Amino acid sequence: MNIYQLKNDIRIQIRKHKEEGKTIGFVATMGYLHEGHLTLVQEAKRQCDLVVMSIFVNPLQFGPSEDFDRYPRDIKRDRQLAEEAGVDYLFLPTVDEMYKEKPTMAIHITQGTDVLCGASRPGHFNGVAMVVMKLFQIIQPDKAFFGLKDAQQVAVIENMVTTFEVPVEVMGVDTVREKDGLAKSSRNVYLTKQERVLAPKLYEALSAVKKKVEQEPESYSRDEIVKVVKNKLEELPLGDIDYVEALPYPSLEINEQLSGKILIALAYKFAKARLIDNVIVSMERRENEHVTHNDESKTS
């Protein structure tokens, strides 16, 4: 595995591979790698000739009440995991390298960030878009791989790529799950034994409404989908609903009448863990065909 800290150095190396006709897959991370990140690497290796991973804790996406300095970091462990996963190039820039001078302009997202998790983190996705755009310009990947566990982030990046005509194919990769369906997350360790038993009910609620919508898409509006999920979650003896939402994907624009591809997402608060999950559903009825889907549709 080749490791670079300077933008120009890794840009030169990747340019050589692209001149040879090699395809570049890119996985952007903030480090503290887990199975979800490594799944993205596996998918990138399957689809591309070379895999580049970046590890950079981006200060622009941290709000005033979020402690950038306390974000978990373990570069030694991350380097080992990345190499074992088969990453070809690891990009480890410093903050000074990425932002040598204070930015004189910014990306301001006008749609899709005042909902879901973005509603409580104003400005967060502007910072995400800024650093991803910079990384795309440095790495120049053919495909970039992001986990659908954070479908809002994937949607924001898809929309940015479309708006600015960035020649990168954004690939959404299915959420990694435990055997009982619970989305894998570092926060799961904070669940009590009783909460851990209940936590898979989140995905069960999403899966149940997904099946209903696929069978009778014309029967469900945004409010009706939200109501079905909330009713199931309200049966749980512990925890509280943070939000349940159904939105067109990837626009994430609030619309009562839904069609095409939609995102059904939730956040649920247990005592010490806030869990998020989602499914992506097609509301297009297929004539004379039994409708089947993966847990989350891949995006491109």
C-alpha atoms as a PDB file:
ATOM      1  CA  MET A   1       0.000   0.000   0.000  1.00  0.00           C
ATOM      2  CA  ASN A   2       1.324   3.421  -0.982  1.00  0.00           C
ATOM      3  CA  ILE A   3       0.803   6.261   1.501  1.00  0.00           C
ATOM      4  CA  TYR A   4       0.827   9.949   0.587  1.00  0.00           C
ATOM      5  CA  GLN A   5       0.238  13.106   2.595  1.00  0.00           C
ATOM      6  CA  LEU A   6       0.693  15.727  -0.112  1.00  0.00           C
ATOM      7  CA  LYS A   7      -1.995  16.485  -2.697  1.00  0.00           C
ATOM      8  CA  ASN A   8       0.391  16.925  -5.588  1.00  0.00           C
ATOM      9  CA  ASP A   9       2.264  13.678  -4.898  1.00  0.00           C
ATOM     10  CA  ILE A  10      -0.800  11.438  -4.965  1.00  0.00           C
ATOM     11  CA  ARG A  11      -2.245  13.359  -7.921  1.00  0.00           C
ATOM     12  CA  ILE A  12       0.891  12.601  -9.972  1.00  0.00           C
ATOM     13  CA  GLN A  13       0.777   8.893  -9.141  1.00  0.00           C
ATOM     14  CA  ILE A  14      -2.909   8.503  -9.959  1.00  0.00           C
ATOM     15  CA  ARG A  15      -2.530  10.449 -13.208  1.00  0.00           C
ATOM     16  CA  LYS A  16       0.061   7.868 -14.341  1.00  0.00           C
ATOM     17  CA  HIS A  17      -2.392   5.017 -13.703  1.00  0.00           C
ATOM     18  CA  LYS A  18      -5.205   6.803 -15.519  1.00  0.00           C
ATOM     19  CA  GLU A  19      -2.908   7.337 -18.539  1.00  0.00           C
ATOM     20  CA  GLU A  20      -2.401   3.545 -18.498  1.00  0.00           C
ATOM     21  CA  GLY A  21      -6.170   3.118 -18.730  1.00  0.00           C
ATOM     22  CA  LYS A  22      -6.659   1.977 -15.127  1.00  0.00           C
ATOM     23  CA  THR A  23      -9.966   2.755 -13.410  1.00  0.00           C
ATOM     24  CA  ILE A  24      -9.860   4.394  -9.989  1.00  0.00           C
ATOM     25  CA  GLY A  25     -12.268   3.626  -7.151  1.00  0.00           C
ATOM     26  CA  PHE A  26     -12.348   6.050  -4.235  1.00  0.00           C
ATOM     27  CA  VAL A  27     -13.442   5.633  -0.610  1.00  0.00           C
ATOM     28  CA  ALA A  28     -13.498   8.864   1.432  1.00  0.00           C
ATOM     29  CA  THR A  29     -13.415   8.421   5.221  1.00  0.00           C
ATOM     30  CA  MET A  30     -12.682  10.284   8.431  1.00  0.00           C
ATOM     31  CA  GLY A  31     -10.834   7.271   9.765  1.00  0.00           C
ATOM     32  CA  TYR A  32     -11.480   5.098  12.801  1.00  0.00           C
ATOM     33  CA  LEU A  33     -12.285   2.441  10.234  1.00  0.00           C
ATOM     34  CA  HIS A  34     -14.964  -0.206  10.763  1.00  0.00           C
ATOM     35  CA  GLU A  35     -16.631  -2.959   8.772  1.00  0.00           C
ATOM     36  CA  GLY A  36     -18.757  -0.503   6.836  1.00  0.00           C
ATOM     37  CA  HIS A  37     -15.675   1.239   5.431  1.00  0.00           C
ATOM     38  CA  LEU A  38     -14.055  -2.076   4.552  1.00  0.00           C
ATOM     39  CA  THR A  39     -17.189  -3.169   2.711  1.00  0.00           C
ATOM     40  CA  LEU A  40     -16.855  -0.055   0.553  1.00  0.00           C
ATOM     41  CA  VAL A  41     -13.262  -1.041  -0.208  1.00  0.00           C
ATOM     42  CA  GLN A  42     -14.372  -4.548  -1.223  1.00  0.00           C
ATOM     43  CA  GLU A  43     -16.962  -3.119  -3.601  1.00  0.00           C
ATOM     44  CA  ALA A  44     -14.441  -0.653  -5.038  1.00  0.00           C
ATOM     45  CA  LYS A  45     -11.965  -3.501  -5.626  1.00  0.00           C
ATOM     46  CA  ARG A  46     -14.679  -5.500  -7.376  1.00  0.00           C
ATOM     47  CA  GLN A  47     -15.517  -2.688  -9.777  1.00  0.00           C
ATOM     48  CA  CYS A  48     -12.219  -0.839 -10.289  1.00  0.00           C
ATOM     49  CA  ASP A  49      -8.564  -1.572 -11.058  1.00  0.00           C
ATOM     50  CA  LEU A  50      -7.163   0.489  -8.177  1.00  0.00           C
ATOM     51  CA  VAL A  51      -8.607   1.663  -4.851  1.00  0.00           C
ATOM     52  CA  VAL A  52      -7.734   4.960  -3.184  1.00  0.00           C
ATOM     53  CA  MET A  53      -8.844   5.678   0.387  1.00  0.00           C
ATOM     54  CA  SER A  54      -8.595   9.034   2.102  1.00  0.00           C
ATOM     55  CA  ILE A  55      -8.550   9.539   5.860  1.00  0.00           C
ATOM     56  CA  PHE A  56      -9.210  13.133   6.808  1.00  0.00           C
ATOM     57  CA  VAL A  57     -11.161  14.559   9.739  1.00  0.00           C
ATOM     58  CA  ASN A  58     -12.754  17.552   8.069  1.00  0.00           C
ATOM     59  CA  PRO A  59     -13.120  20.577  10.359  1.00  0.00           C
ATOM     60  CA  LEU A  60     -15.643  22.287   8.060  1.00  0.00           C
ATOM     61  CA  GLN A  61     -18.373  19.764   8.840  1.00  0.00           C
ATOM     62  CA  PHE A  62     -18.209  20.202  12.629  1.00  0.00           C
ATOM     63  CA  GLY A  63     -20.631  22.631  14.219  1.00  0.00           C
ATOM     64  CA  PRO A  64     -19.856  24.983  17.143  1.00  0.00           C
ATOM     65  CA  SER A  65     -21.143  22.431  19.690  1.00  0.00           C
ATOM     66  CA  GLU A  66     -19.312  19.500  18.067  1.00  0.00           C
ATOM     67  CA  ASP A  67     -15.774  18.898  19.260  1.00  0.00           C
ATOM     68  CA  PHE A  68     -13.474  18.428  16.271  1.00  0.00           C
ATOM     69  CA  ASP A  69     -10.506  17.711  18.550  1.00  0.00           C
ATOM     70  CA  ARG A  70     -12.310  14.867  20.333  1.00  0.00           C
ATOM     71  CA  TYR A  71     -13.243  12.973  17.182  1.00  0.00           C
ATOM     72  CA  PRO A  72     -11.730   9.452  17.572  1.00  0.00           C
ATOM     73  CA  ARG A  73      -8.506   8.856  15.667  1.00  0.00           C
ATOM     74  CA  ASP A  74      -6.243   5.797  15.386  1.00  0.00           C
ATOM     75  CA  ILE A  75      -4.086   6.169  12.294  1.00  0.00           C
ATOM     76  CA  LYS A  76      -1.843   3.178  13.082  1.00  0.00           C
ATOM     77  CA  ARG A  77      -4.823   0.836  13.293  1.00  0.00           C
ATOM     78  CA  ASP A  78      -6.460   2.434  10.246  1.00  0.00           C
ATOM     79  CA  ARG A  79      -3.334   1.954   8.143  1.00  0.00           C
ATOM     80  CA  GLN A  80      -3.230  -1.720   9.046  1.00  0.00           C
ATOM     81  CA  LEU A  81      -6.920  -2.280   8.285  1.00  0.00           C
ATOM     82  CA  ALA A  82      -6.681  -0.412   4.985  1.00  0.00           C
ATOM     83  CA  GLU A  83      -3.681  -2.447   3.870  1.00  0.00           C
ATOM     84  CA  GLU A  84      -5.310  -5.739   4.881  1.00  0.00           C
ATOM     85  CA  ALA A  85      -8.433  -4.749   2.933  1.00  0.00           C
ATOM     86  CA  GLY A  86      -6.380  -4.221  -0.222  1.00  0.00           C
ATOM     87  CA  VAL A  87      -6.282  -0.436  -0.508  1.00  0.00           C
ATOM     88  CA  ASP A  88      -3.675   0.555  -3.113  1.00  0.00           C
ATOM     89  CA  TYR A  89      -3.241   4.225  -2.161  1.00  0.00           C
ATOM     90  CA  LEU A  90      -3.921   5.810   1.217  1.00  0.00           C
ATOM     91  CA  PHE A  91      -4.182   9.600   1.278  1.00  0.00           C
ATOM     92  CA  LEU A  92      -3.514  11.123   4.719  1.00  0.00           C
ATOM     93  CA  PRO A  93      -3.534  14.912   4.335  1.00  0.00           C
ATOM     94  CA  THR A  94      -3.284  17.295   7.259  1.00  0.00           C
ATOM     95  CA  VAL A  95      -5.717  20.163   7.770  1.00  0.00           C
ATOM     96  CA  ASP A  96      -3.024  22.572   6.573  1.00  0.00           C
ATOM     97  CA  GLU A  97      -2.534  20.527   3.415  1.00  0.00           C
ATOM     98  CA  MET A  98      -6.255  20.519   2.586  1.00  0.00           C
ATOM     99  CA  TYR A  99      -6.880  24.125   3.612  1.00  0.00           C
ATOM    100  CA  LYS A 100      -3.557  25.948   3.287  1.00  0.00           C
ATOM    101  CA  GLU A 101      -5.429  29.225   3.178  1.00  0.00           C
ATOM    102  CA  LYS A 102      -8.865  30.137   4.441  1.00  0.00           C
ATOM    103  CA  PRO A 103     -11.371  29.249   1.678  1.00  0.00           C
ATOM    104  CA  THR A 104     -12.535  32.277  -0.267  1.00  0.00           C
ATOM    105  CA  MET A 105     -15.746  30.547  -1.351  1.00  0.00           C
ATOM    106  CA  ALA A 106     -18.023  27.758  -0.188  1.00  0.00           C
ATOM    107  CA  ILE A 107     -20.608  25.280  -1.412  1.00  0.00           C
ATOM    108  CA  HIS A 108     -24.065  26.178  -0.138  1.00  0.00           C
ATOM    109  CA  ILE A 109     -26.596  23.374  -0.505  1.00  0.00           C
ATOM    110  CA  THR A 110     -30.099  24.690  -1.125  1.00  0.00           C
ATOM    111  CA  GLN A 111     -32.113  21.471  -0.924  1.00  0.00           C
ATOM    112  CA  GLY A 112     -32.068  18.207   0.996  1.00  0.00           C
ATOM    113  CA  THR A 113     -30.204  19.288   4.134  1.00  0.00           C
ATOM    114  CA  ASP A 114     -32.999  20.749   6.283  1.00  0.00           C
ATOM    115  CA  VAL A 115     -34.534  17.291   6.766  1.00  0.00           C
ATOM    116  CA  LEU A 116     -33.534  14.043   8.512  1.00  0.00           C
ATOM    117  CA  CYS A 117     -30.256  14.345  10.444  1.00  0.00           C
ATOM    118  CA  GLY A 118     -29.382  17.570   8.647  1.00  0.00           C
ATOM    119  CA  ALA A 119     -32.243  19.403  10.366  1.00  0.00           C
ATOM    120  CA  SER A 120     -30.328  19.402  13.647  1.00  0.00           C
ATOM    121  CA  ARG A 121     -26.891  20.049  12.069  1.00  0.00           C
ATOM    122  CA  PRO A 122     -27.109  23.295  10.075  1.00  0.00           C
ATOM    123  CA  GLY A 123     -24.117  23.761   7.802  1.00  0.00           C
ATOM    124  CA  HIS A 124     -22.868  20.205   8.263  1.00  0.00           C
ATOM    125  CA  PHE A 125     -23.504  19.055   4.719  1.00  0.00           C
ATOM    126  CA  ASN A 126     -22.041  22.251   3.265  1.00  0.00           C
ATOM    127  CA  GLY A 127     -18.782  21.194   4.910  1.00  0.00           C
ATOM    128  CA  VAL A 128     -19.162  17.629   3.635  1.00  0.00           C
ATOM    129  CA  ALA A 129     -19.762  18.846   0.086  1.00  0.00           C
ATOM    130  CA  MET A 130     -16.743  21.157   0.242  1.00  0.00           C
ATOM    131  CA  VAL A 131     -14.275  18.460   1.279  1.00  0.00           C
ATOM    132  CA  VAL A 132     -15.707  15.804  -1.055  1.00  0.00           C
ATOM    133  CA  MET A 133     -15.472  18.214  -3.989  1.00  0.00           C
ATOM    134  CA  LYS A 134     -11.838  18.944  -3.112  1.00  0.00           C
ATOM    135  CA  LEU A 135     -11.058  15.229  -2.788  1.00  0.00           C
ATOM    136  CA  PHE A 136     -12.722  14.489  -6.123  1.00  0.00           C
ATOM    137  CA  GLN A 137     -10.522  17.138  -7.761  1.00  0.00           C
ATOM    138  CA  ILE A 138      -7.382  15.702  -6.144  1.00  0.00           C
ATOM    139  CA  ILE A 139      -8.052  11.989  -6.720  1.00  0.00           C
ATOM    140  CA  GLN A 140     -10.039  12.249  -9.993  1.00  0.00           C
ATOM    141  CA  PRO A 141     -11.766   8.881  -9.396  1.00  0.00           C
ATOM    142  CA  ASP A 142     -13.959   7.101 -11.911  1.00  0.00           C
ATOM    143  CA  LYS A 143     -16.245   5.832  -9.152  1.00  0.00           C
ATOM    144  CA  ALA A 144     -16.699   6.931  -5.540  1.00  0.00           C
ATOM    145  CA  PHE A 145     -18.221   4.552  -2.986  1.00  0.00           C
ATOM    146  CA  PHE A 146     -20.379   5.658  -0.052  1.00  0.00           C
ATOM    147  CA  GLY A 147     -22.462   3.694   2.434  1.00  0.00           C
ATOM    148  CA  LEU A 148     -26.244   3.968   2.235  1.00  0.00           C
ATOM    149  CA  LYS A 149     -26.356   3.813   6.024  1.00  0.00           C
ATOM    150  CA  ASP A 150     -26.070   7.602   5.682  1.00  0.00           C
ATOM    151  CA  ALA A 151     -28.346   7.910   2.657  1.00  0.00           C
ATOM    152  CA  GLN A 152     -28.750  11.662   3.130  1.00  0.00           C
ATOM    153  CA  GLN A 153     -25.017  12.145   2.656  1.00  0.00           C
ATOM    154  CA  VAL A 154     -25.047   9.972  -0.465  1.00  0.00           C
ATOM    155  CA  ALA A 155     -27.976  11.979  -1.856  1.00  0.00           C
ATOM    156  CA  VAL A 156     -26.201  15.294  -1.188  1.00  0.00           C
ATOM    157  CA  ILE A 157     -23.081  14.069  -2.991  1.00  0.00           C
ATOM    158  CA  GLU A 158     -25.108  12.701  -5.912  1.00  0.00           C
ATOM    159  CA  ASN A 159     -26.856  16.047  -6.298  1.00  0.00           C
ATOM    160  CA  MET A 160     -23.559  17.934  -6.076  1.00  0.00           C
ATOM    161  CA  VAL A 161     -22.014  15.763  -8.790  1.00  0.00           C
ATOM    162  CA  THR A 162     -25.034  16.352 -11.019  1.00  0.00           C
ATOM    163  CA  THR A 163     -25.154  20.111 -10.381  1.00  0.00           C
ATOM    164  CA  PHE A 164     -21.457  20.712 -11.073  1.00  0.00           C
ATOM    165  CA  GLU A 165     -21.098  18.086 -13.840  1.00  0.00           C
ATOM    166  CA  VAL A 166     -18.351  16.284 -11.905  1.00  0.00           C
ATOM    167  CA  PRO A 167     -17.193  13.245 -13.947  1.00  0.00           C
ATOM    168  CA  VAL A 168     -17.521  10.781 -11.055  1.00  0.00           C
ATOM    169  CA  GLU A 169     -20.018   7.946 -10.702  1.00  0.00           C
ATOM    170  CA  VAL A 170     -21.383   7.888  -7.131  1.00  0.00           C
ATOM    171  CA  MET A 171     -22.009   4.342  -5.939  1.00  0.00           C
ATOM    172  CA  GLY A 172     -24.273   3.772  -2.941  1.00  0.00           C
ATOM    173  CA  VAL A 173     -23.394   0.532  -1.143  1.00  0.00           C
ATOM    174  CA  ASP A 174     -25.910  -1.425   0.930  1.00  0.00           C
ATOM    175  CA  THR A 175     -25.920  -1.020   4.699  1.00  0.00           C
ATOM    176  CA  VAL A 176     -23.911  -3.672   6.546  1.00  0.00           C
ATOM    177  CA  ARG A 177     -26.180  -5.488   9.010  1.00  0.00           C
ATOM    178  CA  GLU A 178     -26.059  -7.954  11.876  1.00  0.00           C
ATOM    179  CA  LYS A 179     -27.753 -11.334  11.327  1.00  0.00           C
ATOM    180  CA  ASP A 180     -30.929 -10.013  12.960  1.00  0.00           C
ATOM    181  CA  GLY A 181     -31.068  -7.002  10.634  1.00  0.00           C
ATOM    182  CA  LEU A 182     -29.704  -4.306  12.940  1.00  0.00           C
ATOM    183  CA  ALA A 183     -27.549  -1.854  11.015  1.00  0.00           C
ATOM    184  CA  LYS A 184     -23.962  -2.150  12.198  1.00  0.00           C
ATOM    185  CA  SER A 185     -22.809   0.945  14.060  1.00  0.00           C
ATOM    186  CA  SER A 186     -20.187   1.881  16.622  1.00  0.00           C
ATOM    187  CA  ARG A 187     -23.089   3.195  18.716  1.00  0.00           C
ATOM    188  CA  ASN A 188     -24.544  -0.292  19.144  1.00  0.00           C
ATOM    189  CA  VAL A 189     -22.142  -0.970  22.019  1.00  0.00           C
ATOM    190  CA  TYR A 190     -24.052   1.597  24.089  1.00  0.00           C
ATOM    191  CA  LEU A 191     -27.267  -0.429  23.952  1.00  0.00           C
ATOM    192  CA  THR A 192     -28.371  -2.286  27.073  1.00  0.00           C
ATOM    193  CA  LYS A 193     -29.240  -5.982  26.721  1.00  0.00           C
ATOM    194  CA  GLN A 194     -32.947  -5.174  26.546  1.00  0.00           C
ATOM    195  CA  GLU A 195     -32.368  -2.361  24.027  1.00  0.00           C
ATOM    196  CA  ARG A 196     -30.227  -4.658  21.873  1.00  0.00           C
ATOM    197  CA  VAL A 197     -33.126  -7.117  21.699  1.00  0.00           C
ATOM    198  CA  LEU A 198     -35.474  -4.327  20.621  1.00  0.00           C
ATOM    199  CA  ALA A 199     -33.143  -2.531  18.205  1.00  0.00           C
ATOM    200  CA  PRO A 200     -33.754  -4.867  15.203  1.00  0.00           C
ATOM    201  CA  LYS A 201     -37.409  -3.755  15.342  1.00  0.00           C
ATOM    202  CA  LEU A 202     -36.305  -0.529  13.648  1.00  0.00           C
ATOM    203  CA  TYR A 203     -35.360  -2.348  10.478  1.00  0.00           C
ATOM    204  CA  GLU A 204     -38.398  -4.616  10.794  1.00  0.00           C
ATOM    205  CA  ALA A 205     -40.631  -1.536  10.755  1.00  0.00           C
ATOM    206  CA  LEU A 206     -38.901  -0.169   7.671  1.00  0.00           C
ATOM    207  CA  SER A 207     -38.975  -3.520   5.908  1.00  0.00           C
ATOM    208  CA  ALA A 208     -42.687  -3.980   6.613  1.00  0.00           C
ATOM    209  CA  VAL A 209     -43.669  -0.628   5.116  1.00  0.00           C
ATOM    210  CA  LYS A 210     -41.277  -1.170   2.196  1.00  0.00           C
ATOM    211  CA  LYS A 211     -43.130  -4.383   1.324  1.00  0.00           C
ATOM    212  CA  LYS A 212     -46.514  -2.663   1.553  1.00  0.00           C
ATOM    213  CA  VAL A 213     -45.421   0.246  -0.643  1.00  0.00           C
ATOM    214  CA  GLU A 214     -43.946  -2.047  -3.275  1.00  0.00           C
ATOM    215  CA  GLN A 215     -47.178  -4.047  -3.433  1.00  0.00           C
ATOM    216  CA  GLU A 216     -49.536  -1.061  -3.547  1.00  0.00           C
ATOM    217  CA  PRO A 217     -47.545   2.096  -4.385  1.00  0.00           C
ATOM    218  CA  GLU A 218     -50.633   4.045  -5.387  1.00  0.00           C
ATOM    219  CA  SER A 219     -52.108   3.592  -1.899  1.00  0.00           C
ATOM    220  CA  TYR A 220     -49.394   5.394   0.066  1.00  0.00           C
ATOM    221  CA  SER A 221     -48.686   9.090   0.513  1.00  0.00           C
ATOM    222  CA  ARG A 222     -45.797  10.515   2.514  1.00  0.00           C
ATOM    223  CA  ASP A 223     -47.942  10.953   5.634  1.00  0.00           C
ATOM    224  CA  GLU A 224     -49.342   7.433   5.380  1.00  0.00           C
ATOM    225  CA  ILE A 225     -45.896   5.860   5.102  1.00  0.00           C
ATOM    226  CA  VAL A 226     -44.654   7.852   8.088  1.00  0.00           C
ATOM    227  CA  LYS A 227     -47.715   6.871  10.107  1.00  0.00           C
ATOM    228  CA  VAL A 228     -47.228   3.130   9.463  1.00  0.00           C
ATOM    229  CA  VAL A 229     -43.604   3.242  10.631  1.00  0.00           C
ATOM    230  CA  LYS A 230     -44.359   5.411  13.659  1.00  0.00           C
ATOM    231  CA  ASN A 231     -47.171   3.106  14.765  1.00  0.00           C
ATOM    232  CA  LYS A 232     -44.777   0.158  14.812  1.00  0.00           C
ATOM    233  CA  LEU A 233     -42.073   2.080  16.666  1.00  0.00           C
ATOM    234  CA  GLU A 234     -44.539   3.354  19.265  1.00  0.00           C
ATOM    235  CA  GLU A 235     -45.118  -0.274  20.282  1.00  0.00           C
ATOM    236  CA  LEU A 236     -41.562  -0.500  21.624  1.00  0.00           C
ATOM    237  CA  PRO A 237     -41.414  -0.354  25.450  1.00  0.00           C
ATOM    238  CA  LEU A 238     -38.141   1.609  25.497  1.00  0.00           C
ATOM    239  CA  GLY A 239     -36.769   4.611  23.641  1.00  0.00           C
ATOM    240  CA  ASP A 240     -38.261   7.516  21.707  1.00  0.00           C
ATOM    241  CA  ILE A 241     -38.738   8.400  18.051  1.00  0.00           C
ATOM    242  CA  ASP A 242     -36.460  11.199  16.866  1.00  0.00           C
ATOM    243  CA  TYR A 243     -37.861  11.320  13.343  1.00  0.00           C
ATOM    244  CA  VAL A 244     -39.523   9.203  10.670  1.00  0.00           C
ATOM    245  CA  GLU A 245     -39.609  10.551   7.135  1.00  0.00           C
ATOM    246  CA  ALA A 246     -40.388   9.514   3.548  1.00  0.00           C
ATOM    247  CA  LEU A 247     -38.813  11.629   0.801  1.00  0.00           C
ATOM    248  CA  PRO A 248     -38.071  11.375  -2.920  1.00  0.00           C
ATOM    249  CA  TYR A 249     -34.519  10.185  -3.520  1.00  0.00           C
ATOM    250  CA  PRO A 250     -32.090  11.789  -4.185  1.00  0.00           C
ATOM    251  CA  SER A 251     -33.786  15.219  -4.173  1.00  0.00           C
ATOM    252  CA  LEU A 252     -35.022  14.842  -0.556  1.00  0.00           C
ATOM    253  CA  GLU A 253     -37.577  17.543  -1.275  1.00  0.00           C
ATOM    254  CA  ILE A 254     -40.666  17.326   0.941  1.00  0.00           C
ATOM    255  CA  ASN A 255     -43.597  16.253  -1.204  1.00  0.00           C
ATOM    256  CA  GLU A 256     -46.838  14.708   0.029  1.00  0.00           C
ATOM    257  CA  GLN A 257     -47.420  12.725  -3.173  1.00  0.00           C
ATOM    258  CA  LEU A 258     -44.464  10.449  -3.812  1.00  0.00           C
ATOM    259  CA  SER A 259     -43.363   8.587  -6.934  1.00  0.00           C
ATOM    260  CA  GLY A 260     -40.275   6.922  -8.325  1.00  0.00           C
ATOM    261  CA  LYS A 261     -37.463   6.150  -5.893  1.00  0.00           C
ATOM    262  CA  ILE A 262     -38.068   7.189  -2.281  1.00  0.00           C
ATOM    263  CA  LEU A 263     -36.086   7.110   0.935  1.00  0.00           C
ATOM    264  CA  ILE A 264     -37.849   5.962   4.100  1.00  0.00           C
ATOM    265  CA  ALA A 265     -35.639   6.877   7.048  1.00  0.00           C
ATOM    266  CA  LEU A 266     -35.782   6.998  10.828  1.00  0.00           C
ATOM    267  CA  ALA A 267     -33.776   7.955  13.880  1.00  0.00           C
ATOM    268  CA  TYR A 268     -34.565   6.429  17.261  1.00  0.00           C
ATOM    269  CA  LYS A 269     -33.191   7.347  20.659  1.00  0.00           C
ATOM    270  CA  PHE A 270     -32.421   4.776  23.316  1.00  0.00           C
ATOM    271  CA  ALA A 271     -30.921   5.767  26.675  1.00  0.00           C
ATOM    272  CA  LYS A 272     -27.327   6.173  25.442  1.00  0.00           C
ATOM    273  CA  ALA A 273     -27.548   5.474  21.717  1.00  0.00           C
ATOM    274  CA  ARG A 274     -29.261   7.255  18.829  1.00  0.00           C
ATOM    275  CA  LEU A 275     -29.682   4.825  15.941  1.00  0.00           C
ATOM    276  CA  ILE A 276     -30.453   5.674  12.319  1.00  0.00           C
ATOM    277  CA  ASP A 277     -31.654   3.371   9.547  1.00  0.00           C
ATOM    278  CA  ASN A 278     -33.340   3.555   6.162  1.00  0.00           C
ATOM    279  CA  VAL A 279     -34.566   1.707   3.106  1.00  0.00           C
ATOM    280  CA  ILE A 280     -34.837   2.905  -0.479  1.00  0.00           C
ATOM    281  CA  VAL A 281     -38.029   1.880  -2.249  1.00  0.00           C
ATOM    282  CA  SER A 282     -39.286   2.067  -5.810  1.00  0.00           C
ATOM    283  CA  MET A 283     -42.910   3.188  -6.026  1.00  0.00           C
ATOM    284  CA  GLU A 284     -43.174   2.211  -9.679  1.00  0.00           C
ATOM    285  CA  ARG A 285     -45.568  -0.707 -10.123  1.00  0.00           C
ATOM    286  CA  ARG A 286     -44.226  -3.418 -12.396  1.00  0.00           C
ATOM    287  CA  GLU A 287     -46.971  -4.920 -14.508  1.00  0.00           C
ATOM    288  CA  ASN A 288     -47.248  -8.732 -14.509  1.00  0.00           C
ATOM    289  CA  GLU A 289     -44.080  -9.068 -12.485  1.00  0.00           C
ATOM    290  CA  HIS A 290     -43.454 -10.003  -8.883  1.00  0.00           C
ATOM    291  CA  VAL A 291     -41.602  -7.092  -7.301  1.00  0.00           C
ATOM    292  CA  THR A 292     -38.397  -7.900  -5.432  1.00  0.00           C
ATOM    293  CA  HIS A 293     -35.627  -5.590  -4.244  1.00  0.00           C
ATOM    294  CA  ASN A 294     -32.443  -5.686  -2.274  1.00  0.00           C
ATOM    295  CA  ASP A 295     -32.535  -4.104   1.191  1.00  0.00           C
ATOM    296  CA  GLU A 296     -31.336  -0.836  -0.270  1.00  0.00           C
ATOM    297  CA  SER A 297     -31.136  -0.149  -3.989  1.00  0.00           C
ATOM    298  CA  LYS A 298     -27.711   0.795  -5.283  1.00  0.00           C
ATOM    299  CA  THR A 299     -27.426   4.270  -6.682  1.00  0.00           C
ATOM    300  CA  SER A 300     -25.378   5.643  -9.479  1.00  0.00           C
END
